[in-house]
Amino acid sequence: MSEAWRLHGSLDENALRQALQKIVRRHAALRTYFVAGGAAAMQVVADTVDLPLSVTDISHLSSAQREQTLSQMVLAAGNYAFDLSQAPLCRASLIHLNDNEHVLQLVLHHIITDEWSNDIIWRELAFYYDTSRHAGANELARSAIQYSDYARWQREQAGSGALDKQMDYWQSQLSGDLPLLQLPTDRPRPPEQSLQGGIVRRMLPAELLHGVQSLSQQTGTTLFITLLAAFQALLYRYSGQRDILVGSPIANRQRAETENVIGMFINTAVMRAKIDGKITFAQLLEQVQKTVLDALANQDLPFDLLVQAMHPDRDLSYNPLFQTMFVFRSDSVERTLPGVEFEPIKVDRGVSKFDLTLFAGEEDGQLMSALEYNADLFDEMTAQR
């Protein structure tokens, strides 16, 4: 998981280093690595871990050279592989463009973090950066638990039968033949996924966002549910299939004590819709709303345990249970440091984990949409359409 931001203003590099180290000391997940333990990997938490801030100065290059080099460096850092047996499973790098312009990039392996956790990191980074600059002694309250406590609890739940009812729900929800989504593609599906992909982005006008929000209010749903239903309707139109399965991540932090803990809490839910040309969109919304609410009520069951229990046909050419994903992006913590303005750098990493992944949500008063596509199947022009 990679984030890169262009920083405008006077940056205190030493305060940034100190802030990063304080966050690593606070959160066990950022000091975690994994070793082989018989049939499974074992989590190990180091007592201390140094998170170095890699600094590169490219201010001597011409403007055009700087931008080209910057793009190459950000892409390379985001795609550089981690060794899971070596902590930390996170990296921080700073690129100097000139005295008042820098690029800060944080890259973390998904095994120790999720989107919610990244928001925690940025919130705490701003706090500790400020206190480090002013020699402040302020400390954030320590969390009552660490991610390893949650992982232990989750294993106990799975072993005690506490999740049996949730397993029954998901097996019932996903019973019968699960169809492979047959979208019109530019090329035949290869025998093995290469995970090569691309992404196309589109900001849709504020009027459209307001209309979708108004529809959600009128029907008693949410922006997430309305957009998910629209995506499933679109997949139905393109495929002609009446059974549409879409994966969607759920935060899985319904307990208050997990709110400020960094770790990989996120779980995947399979949203199944039965669609035909006779139902109205309002009826589809009702169906999707019930599916989402039921999924939220049964979100404790880890997705990997469900896959093991379902024994789906495994094929290296496609993902089991679902081939498309919908990710709703709600307002996240503002990326900011005192005295520094942030500007996001969006990079196409050339990767696609599924046939299609639609990212959508509100951003700066508009409807943000980004479609990640499998480049083995689709051309960029197809993804744009």
Protein backbone atom coordinates (compact mmCIF):
# COMPACT_ATOMS: atom_id res chain seq x y z
CA MET A 1 0.00 0.00 0.00
CA SER A 2 1.72 3.14 -1.24
CA GLU A 3 0.94 6.82 -0.74
CA ALA A 4 3.01 9.66 -2.17
CA TRP A 5 2.44 13.35 -1.53
CA ARG A 6 4.08 16.51 -2.82
CA LEU A 7 4.81 18.79 0.15
CA HIS A 8 4.85 22.56 -0.26
CA GLY A 9 6.41 24.61 2.53
CA SER A 10 9.24 24.54 5.03
CA LEU A 11 9.70 20.93 6.16
CA ASP A 12 11.52 19.96 9.37
CA GLU A 13 13.21 16.74 8.34
CA ASN A 14 14.42 15.90 11.85
CA ALA A 15 10.92 16.31 13.30
CA LEU A 16 9.59 14.03 10.58
CA ARG A 17 12.12 11.32 11.49
CA GLN A 18 11.25 11.56 15.18
CA ALA A 19 7.52 11.41 14.46
CA LEU A 20 7.89 8.26 12.36
CA GLN A 21 9.92 6.54 15.10
CA LYS A 22 7.36 7.39 17.77
CA ILE A 23 4.57 5.86 15.69
CA VAL A 24 6.59 2.66 15.19
CA ARG A 25 7.21 2.43 18.94
CA ARG A 26 3.46 2.85 19.64
CA HIS A 27 2.15 0.19 17.28
CA ALA A 28 3.25 -3.45 17.40
CA ALA A 29 1.99 -4.07 13.85
CA LEU A 30 4.71 -1.76 12.50
CA ARG A 31 7.34 -3.88 14.30
CA THR A 32 5.92 -7.18 13.06
CA TYR A 33 7.57 -9.74 10.79
CA PHE A 34 6.77 -13.35 9.93
CA VAL A 35 8.75 -16.58 10.16
CA ALA A 36 8.04 -20.13 9.01
CA GLY A 37 6.38 -22.08 11.80
CA GLY A 38 5.69 -25.59 10.57
CA ALA A 39 2.52 -25.58 8.46
CA ALA A 40 1.88 -21.86 8.89
CA ALA A 41 3.66 -18.55 9.20
CA MET A 42 4.13 -17.13 12.69
CA GLN A 43 3.90 -13.48 13.66
CA VAL A 44 6.84 -12.07 15.60
CA VAL A 45 6.86 -8.59 17.14
CA ALA A 46 10.28 -7.01 17.62
CA ASP A 47 10.86 -4.96 20.76
CA THR A 48 12.49 -2.17 18.79
CA VAL A 49 12.62 -1.40 15.09
CA ASP A 50 14.33 1.45 13.33
CA LEU A 51 12.31 2.94 10.47
CA PRO A 52 14.88 4.85 8.42
CA LEU A 53 13.78 7.84 6.37
CA SER A 54 15.45 7.44 3.00
CA VAL A 55 16.36 10.88 1.61
CA THR A 56 17.22 11.63 -2.02
CA ASP A 57 18.06 15.08 -3.38
CA ILE A 58 17.24 15.66 -7.07
CA SER A 59 17.09 19.45 -6.85
CA HIS A 60 20.14 19.74 -9.14
CA LEU A 61 18.21 18.30 -12.11
CA SER A 62 16.32 20.37 -14.63
CA SER A 63 12.57 20.72 -14.14
CA ALA A 64 11.75 18.11 -16.80
CA GLN A 65 14.39 15.71 -15.50
CA ARG A 66 13.13 16.12 -11.93
CA GLU A 67 9.57 15.20 -12.86
CA GLN A 68 10.66 12.19 -14.89
CA THR A 69 13.02 10.98 -12.15
CA LEU A 70 10.36 11.61 -9.51
CA SER A 71 7.79 9.47 -11.34
CA GLN A 72 10.29 6.65 -11.75
CA MET A 73 11.30 6.74 -8.07
CA VAL A 74 7.73 6.80 -6.74
CA LEU A 75 6.70 3.91 -8.99
CA ALA A 76 9.79 1.85 -8.09
CA ALA A 77 9.32 2.42 -4.35
CA GLY A 78 5.65 1.42 -4.53
CA ASN A 79 6.42 -1.82 -6.37
CA TYR A 80 9.58 -2.85 -4.48
CA ALA A 81 9.07 -6.24 -2.84
CA PHE A 82 9.15 -6.77 0.92
CA ASP A 83 10.84 -9.70 2.67
CA LEU A 84 8.19 -10.72 5.19
CA SER A 85 10.84 -12.20 7.48
CA GLN A 86 12.50 -8.80 7.97
CA ALA A 87 11.04 -5.91 9.99
CA PRO A 88 9.93 -3.26 9.38
CA LEU A 89 7.38 -4.09 6.68
CA CYS A 90 7.10 -0.39 5.93
CA ARG A 91 9.27 2.21 4.26
CA ALA A 92 9.44 5.99 4.32
CA SER A 93 11.23 8.06 1.72
CA LEU A 94 11.71 11.77 1.17
CA ILE A 95 12.70 13.34 -2.15
CA HIS A 96 14.03 16.91 -2.16
CA LEU A 97 12.87 18.89 -5.20
CA ASN A 98 13.92 22.31 -3.88
CA ASP A 99 14.10 24.15 -0.55
CA ASN A 100 10.32 24.38 -0.20
CA GLU A 101 9.14 21.38 -2.16
CA HIS A 102 9.53 17.71 -1.27
CA VAL A 103 7.83 14.39 -1.91
CA LEU A 104 7.01 12.12 1.03
CA GLN A 105 6.15 8.48 0.29
CA LEU A 106 5.01 5.84 2.75
CA VAL A 107 4.86 2.21 1.60
CA LEU A 108 3.47 -0.52 3.87
CA HIS A 109 2.82 -4.18 3.21
CA HIS A 110 -0.91 -4.91 3.34
CA ILE A 111 -0.31 -7.75 5.82
CA ILE A 112 0.22 -5.16 8.61
CA THR A 113 -2.12 -2.36 7.60
CA ASP A 114 -5.34 -1.28 5.88
CA GLU A 115 -6.90 2.01 4.77
CA TRP A 116 -8.20 2.77 8.27
CA SER A 117 -4.75 2.11 9.73
CA ASN A 118 -3.14 4.44 7.20
CA ASP A 119 -5.46 7.21 8.41
CA ILE A 120 -4.23 6.55 11.97
CA ILE A 121 -0.62 6.81 10.81
CA TRP A 122 -1.16 10.18 9.14
CA ARG A 123 -3.14 11.55 12.09
CA GLU A 124 -0.41 10.57 14.53
CA LEU A 125 2.32 11.76 12.17
CA ALA A 126 0.86 15.28 12.24
CA PHE A 127 0.63 15.20 16.06
CA TYR A 128 4.17 13.95 16.71
CA TYR A 129 5.68 16.15 14.00
CA ASP A 130 4.24 19.19 15.78
CA THR A 131 5.36 18.09 19.26
CA SER A 132 8.86 17.23 17.97
CA ARG A 133 9.26 20.69 16.45
CA HIS A 134 8.30 22.40 19.70
CA ALA A 135 10.01 19.97 22.08
CA GLY A 136 6.61 19.06 23.41
CA ALA A 137 6.17 16.28 25.92
CA ASN A 138 2.59 15.54 24.89
CA GLU A 139 1.74 11.91 24.29
CA LEU A 140 -1.26 10.27 22.69
CA ALA A 141 -3.15 7.83 24.88
CA ARG A 142 -1.97 4.28 24.43
CA SER A 143 -4.40 1.80 22.93
CA ALA A 144 -5.74 -0.83 25.31
CA ILE A 145 -4.88 -3.57 22.80
CA GLN A 146 -2.44 -4.26 19.97
CA TYR A 147 -3.22 -6.06 16.73
CA SER A 148 -1.77 -9.32 18.06
CA ASP A 149 -4.42 -9.25 20.81
CA TYR A 150 -7.13 -8.96 18.17
CA ALA A 151 -5.56 -11.77 16.09
CA ARG A 152 -5.51 -14.04 19.17
CA TRP A 153 -9.16 -13.22 19.93
CA GLN A 154 -10.14 -13.92 16.32
CA ARG A 155 -8.45 -17.34 16.38
CA GLU A 156 -10.19 -18.16 19.68
CA GLN A 157 -13.55 -17.17 18.18
CA ALA A 158 -12.99 -19.39 15.16
CA GLY A 159 -11.89 -22.32 17.31
CA SER A 160 -14.70 -22.06 19.86
CA GLY A 161 -17.59 -22.26 17.41
CA ALA A 162 -18.58 -18.64 18.05
CA LEU A 163 -18.47 -17.96 14.31
CA ASP A 164 -20.51 -21.00 13.26
CA LYS A 165 -23.71 -18.98 12.71
CA GLN A 166 -21.82 -16.54 10.51
CA MET A 167 -20.33 -19.43 8.55
CA ASP A 168 -23.84 -20.83 8.06
CA TYR A 169 -25.04 -17.45 6.78
CA TRP A 170 -22.25 -17.09 4.22
CA GLN A 171 -22.52 -20.68 3.00
CA SER A 172 -26.26 -20.16 2.51
CA GLN A 173 -25.72 -16.80 0.82
CA LEU A 174 -23.18 -18.33 -1.58
CA SER A 175 -24.91 -21.66 -2.13
CA GLY A 176 -25.45 -23.17 -5.57
CA ASP A 177 -23.31 -22.73 -8.62
CA LEU A 178 -21.27 -19.54 -8.42
CA PRO A 179 -20.96 -18.13 -11.93
CA LEU A 180 -17.77 -16.88 -13.49
CA LEU A 181 -18.52 -13.33 -14.60
CA GLN A 182 -18.36 -13.33 -18.39
CA LEU A 183 -17.68 -9.76 -19.44
CA PRO A 184 -16.92 -8.91 -23.06
CA THR A 185 -13.11 -8.76 -23.17
CA ASP A 186 -10.58 -7.64 -25.73
CA ARG A 187 -8.60 -10.88 -25.39
CA PRO A 188 -9.31 -14.43 -24.18
CA ARG A 189 -8.62 -15.14 -20.52
CA PRO A 190 -5.05 -16.49 -20.18
CA PRO A 191 -4.49 -19.80 -18.34
CA GLU A 192 -2.76 -17.98 -15.47
CA GLN A 193 -3.21 -14.44 -14.15
CA SER A 194 -0.21 -12.16 -14.59
CA LEU A 195 -1.79 -9.48 -12.32
CA GLN A 196 -0.70 -6.86 -14.86
CA GLY A 197 -3.15 -4.02 -15.00
CA GLY A 198 -3.85 -0.35 -15.38
CA ILE A 199 -6.15 2.26 -13.92
CA VAL A 200 -8.34 4.96 -15.44
CA ARG A 201 -9.70 7.82 -13.34
CA ARG A 202 -12.68 10.08 -13.79
CA MET A 203 -14.04 12.89 -11.62
CA LEU A 204 -17.78 13.12 -12.19
CA PRO A 205 -19.58 16.45 -11.71
CA ALA A 206 -20.99 17.68 -8.41
CA GLU A 207 -24.51 17.70 -9.89
CA LEU A 208 -24.32 13.94 -10.42
CA LEU A 209 -23.05 13.41 -6.88
CA HIS A 210 -25.92 15.48 -5.49
CA GLY A 211 -28.40 13.50 -7.55
CA VAL A 212 -27.07 10.17 -6.31
CA GLN A 213 -27.05 11.45 -2.71
CA SER A 214 -30.65 12.65 -3.12
CA LEU A 215 -31.69 9.24 -4.50
CA SER A 216 -30.00 7.55 -1.54
CA GLN A 217 -31.91 9.74 0.92
CA GLN A 218 -35.24 9.19 -0.83
CA THR A 219 -34.82 5.42 -0.78
CA GLY A 220 -33.42 5.24 2.76
CA THR A 221 -30.10 3.83 1.61
CA THR A 222 -26.55 5.19 1.57
CA LEU A 223 -24.15 6.44 -1.09
CA PHE A 224 -22.20 3.17 -0.75
CA ILE A 225 -25.28 1.02 -1.36
CA THR A 226 -26.49 3.11 -4.30
CA LEU A 227 -23.11 3.06 -6.04
CA LEU A 228 -22.69 -0.68 -5.43
CA ALA A 229 -26.14 -1.35 -6.91
CA ALA A 230 -25.28 0.82 -9.92
CA PHE A 231 -22.04 -1.13 -10.45
CA GLN A 232 -23.86 -4.47 -10.23
CA ALA A 233 -26.49 -3.21 -12.69
CA LEU A 234 -23.71 -2.20 -15.07
CA LEU A 235 -22.10 -5.64 -14.82
CA TYR A 236 -25.49 -7.22 -15.53
CA ARG A 237 -25.92 -5.03 -18.62
CA TYR A 238 -22.50 -5.98 -20.00
CA SER A 239 -22.61 -9.69 -19.17
CA GLY A 240 -26.32 -10.51 -19.49
CA GLN A 241 -25.90 -12.71 -16.41
CA ARG A 242 -28.56 -12.54 -13.70
CA ASP A 243 -26.36 -13.67 -10.82
CA ILE A 244 -23.78 -10.97 -10.05
CA LEU A 245 -21.16 -11.40 -7.30
CA VAL A 246 -18.94 -8.50 -6.30
CA GLY A 247 -16.34 -8.47 -3.53
CA SER A 248 -16.21 -5.47 -1.23
CA PRO A 249 -13.94 -4.68 1.73
CA ILE A 250 -15.49 -4.08 5.17
CA ALA A 251 -13.58 -2.17 7.88
CA ASN A 252 -14.35 -4.86 10.52
CA ARG A 253 -13.79 -2.46 13.42
CA GLN A 254 -17.15 -2.58 15.14
CA ARG A 255 -15.50 -2.74 18.59
CA ALA A 256 -14.45 0.56 20.17
CA GLU A 257 -11.06 -0.74 21.35
CA THR A 258 -9.94 -1.37 17.75
CA GLU A 259 -10.59 2.19 16.61
CA ASN A 260 -7.02 3.48 17.06
CA VAL A 261 -5.09 0.25 16.47
CA ILE A 262 -2.93 -0.23 13.38
CA GLY A 263 -3.31 -3.63 11.75
CA MET A 264 -4.96 -5.54 8.92
CA PHE A 265 -8.52 -5.69 10.28
CA ILE A 266 -10.25 -5.34 6.94
CA ASN A 267 -12.35 -8.27 5.76
CA THR A 268 -13.82 -9.10 2.35
CA ALA A 269 -17.54 -9.63 1.86
CA VAL A 270 -19.16 -11.10 -1.24
CA MET A 271 -22.19 -9.03 -2.29
CA ARG A 272 -24.54 -11.17 -4.38
CA ALA A 273 -27.34 -9.67 -6.46
CA LYS A 274 -30.01 -11.44 -8.47
CA ILE A 275 -30.97 -9.19 -11.37
CA ASP A 276 -33.25 -9.48 -14.35
CA GLY A 277 -34.77 -7.03 -16.77
CA LYS A 278 -38.08 -6.99 -14.91
CA ILE A 279 -37.06 -5.42 -11.61
CA THR A 280 -36.74 -1.67 -11.16
CA PHE A 281 -33.62 0.02 -9.86
CA ALA A 282 -35.53 0.85 -6.66
CA GLN A 283 -36.17 -2.88 -6.16
CA LEU A 284 -32.49 -3.61 -6.80
CA LEU A 285 -31.61 -1.00 -4.17
CA GLU A 286 -33.82 -2.77 -1.62
CA GLN A 287 -32.14 -6.08 -2.40
CA VAL A 288 -28.63 -4.66 -2.21
CA GLN A 289 -29.39 -2.84 1.04
CA LYS A 290 -30.51 -6.08 2.69
CA THR A 291 -27.43 -7.88 1.37
CA VAL A 292 -25.10 -5.19 2.71
CA LEU A 293 -26.77 -5.03 6.14
CA ASP A 294 -26.64 -8.82 6.47
CA ALA A 295 -22.98 -8.80 5.42
CA LEU A 296 -22.18 -6.20 8.08
CA ALA A 297 -23.94 -8.32 10.70
CA ASN A 298 -21.76 -11.29 9.70
CA GLN A 299 -18.45 -9.57 9.09
CA ASP A 300 -16.41 -11.30 11.82
CA LEU A 301 -15.86 -14.46 9.78
CA PRO A 302 -12.43 -14.20 8.08
CA PHE A 303 -12.74 -14.47 4.32
CA ASP A 304 -9.97 -17.08 4.09
CA LEU A 305 -11.91 -19.41 6.41
CA LEU A 306 -14.97 -19.02 4.18
CA VAL A 307 -12.96 -19.91 1.06
CA GLN A 308 -11.55 -22.99 2.80
CA ALA A 309 -15.04 -24.09 3.85
CA MET A 310 -16.61 -23.45 0.43
CA HIS A 311 -13.97 -25.43 -1.50
CA PRO A 312 -14.60 -23.48 -4.71
CA ASP A 313 -13.15 -24.69 -7.97
CA ARG A 314 -9.66 -23.24 -8.02
CA ASP A 315 -8.32 -22.00 -11.31
CA LEU A 316 -5.15 -19.94 -11.80
CA SER A 317 -6.91 -17.90 -14.48
CA TYR A 318 -9.39 -16.17 -12.15
CA ASN A 319 -10.13 -15.33 -8.53
CA PRO A 320 -12.43 -17.68 -6.56
CA LEU A 321 -15.97 -16.58 -5.51
CA PHE A 322 -15.85 -13.23 -7.32
CA GLN A 323 -13.90 -11.59 -10.14
CA THR A 324 -14.76 -7.92 -9.61
CA MET A 325 -14.46 -5.72 -6.54
CA PHE A 326 -16.14 -2.51 -5.42
CA VAL A 327 -14.26 -0.23 -3.01
CA PHE A 328 -16.13 2.69 -1.48
CA ARG A 329 -13.86 5.57 -0.54
CA SER A 330 -15.27 7.72 2.23
CA ASP A 331 -13.62 10.91 3.49
CA SER A 332 -10.27 9.97 5.02
CA VAL A 333 -8.07 11.84 7.46
CA GLU A 334 -6.62 14.94 5.84
CA ARG A 335 -2.95 14.51 5.04
CA THR A 336 -1.28 17.52 6.63
CA LEU A 337 1.70 18.70 8.66
CA PRO A 338 1.89 22.08 10.41
CA GLY A 339 3.14 24.70 7.96
CA VAL A 340 3.14 22.27 5.01
CA GLU A 341 0.54 21.85 2.27
CA PHE A 342 -0.07 18.42 0.76
CA GLU A 343 -0.79 17.56 -2.88
CA PRO A 344 -1.47 13.90 -3.80
CA ILE A 345 0.60 12.11 -6.42
CA LYS A 346 -1.44 9.46 -8.23
CA VAL A 347 0.57 6.68 -9.80
CA ASP A 348 -0.50 3.77 -11.97
CA ARG A 349 1.48 0.87 -10.52
CA GLY A 350 0.57 -1.41 -13.44
CA VAL A 351 -1.14 -3.98 -11.20
CA SER A 352 -4.68 -5.39 -11.06
CA LYS A 353 -5.70 -7.94 -8.42
CA PHE A 354 -9.07 -8.71 -10.07
CA ASP A 355 -10.66 -8.48 -13.50
CA LEU A 356 -12.08 -5.08 -12.51
CA THR A 357 -11.99 -3.03 -9.32
CA LEU A 358 -14.12 0.08 -9.10
CA PHE A 359 -13.09 2.70 -6.53
CA ALA A 360 -15.80 5.33 -5.97
CA GLY A 361 -16.85 7.91 -3.42
CA GLU A 362 -17.04 11.59 -2.63
CA GLU A 363 -13.92 13.70 -3.10
CA ASP A 364 -13.74 17.50 -3.03
CA GLY A 365 -17.48 17.78 -3.64
CA GLN A 366 -17.40 15.56 -6.73
CA LEU A 367 -17.95 11.88 -7.42
CA MET A 368 -14.55 10.23 -7.66
CA SER A 369 -14.27 7.08 -9.74
CA ALA A 370 -11.26 4.98 -10.66
CA LEU A 371 -11.38 1.68 -12.50
CA GLU A 372 -8.49 -0.76 -12.08
CA TYR A 373 -8.52 -3.30 -14.91
CA ASN A 374 -6.81 -6.55 -15.82
CA ALA A 375 -4.56 -5.68 -18.76
CA ASP A 376 -4.55 -9.31 -19.93
CA LEU A 377 -8.28 -8.95 -20.64
CA PHE A 378 -8.96 -5.26 -21.35
CA ASP A 379 -7.44 -2.43 -23.32
CA GLU A 380 -7.28 1.01 -21.72
CA MET A 381 -9.91 2.33 -24.15
CA THR A 382 -12.28 -0.41 -23.05
CA ALA A 383 -11.73 0.52 -19.42
CA GLN A 384 -12.41 4.18 -20.28
CA ARG A 385 -15.74 3.23 -21.87
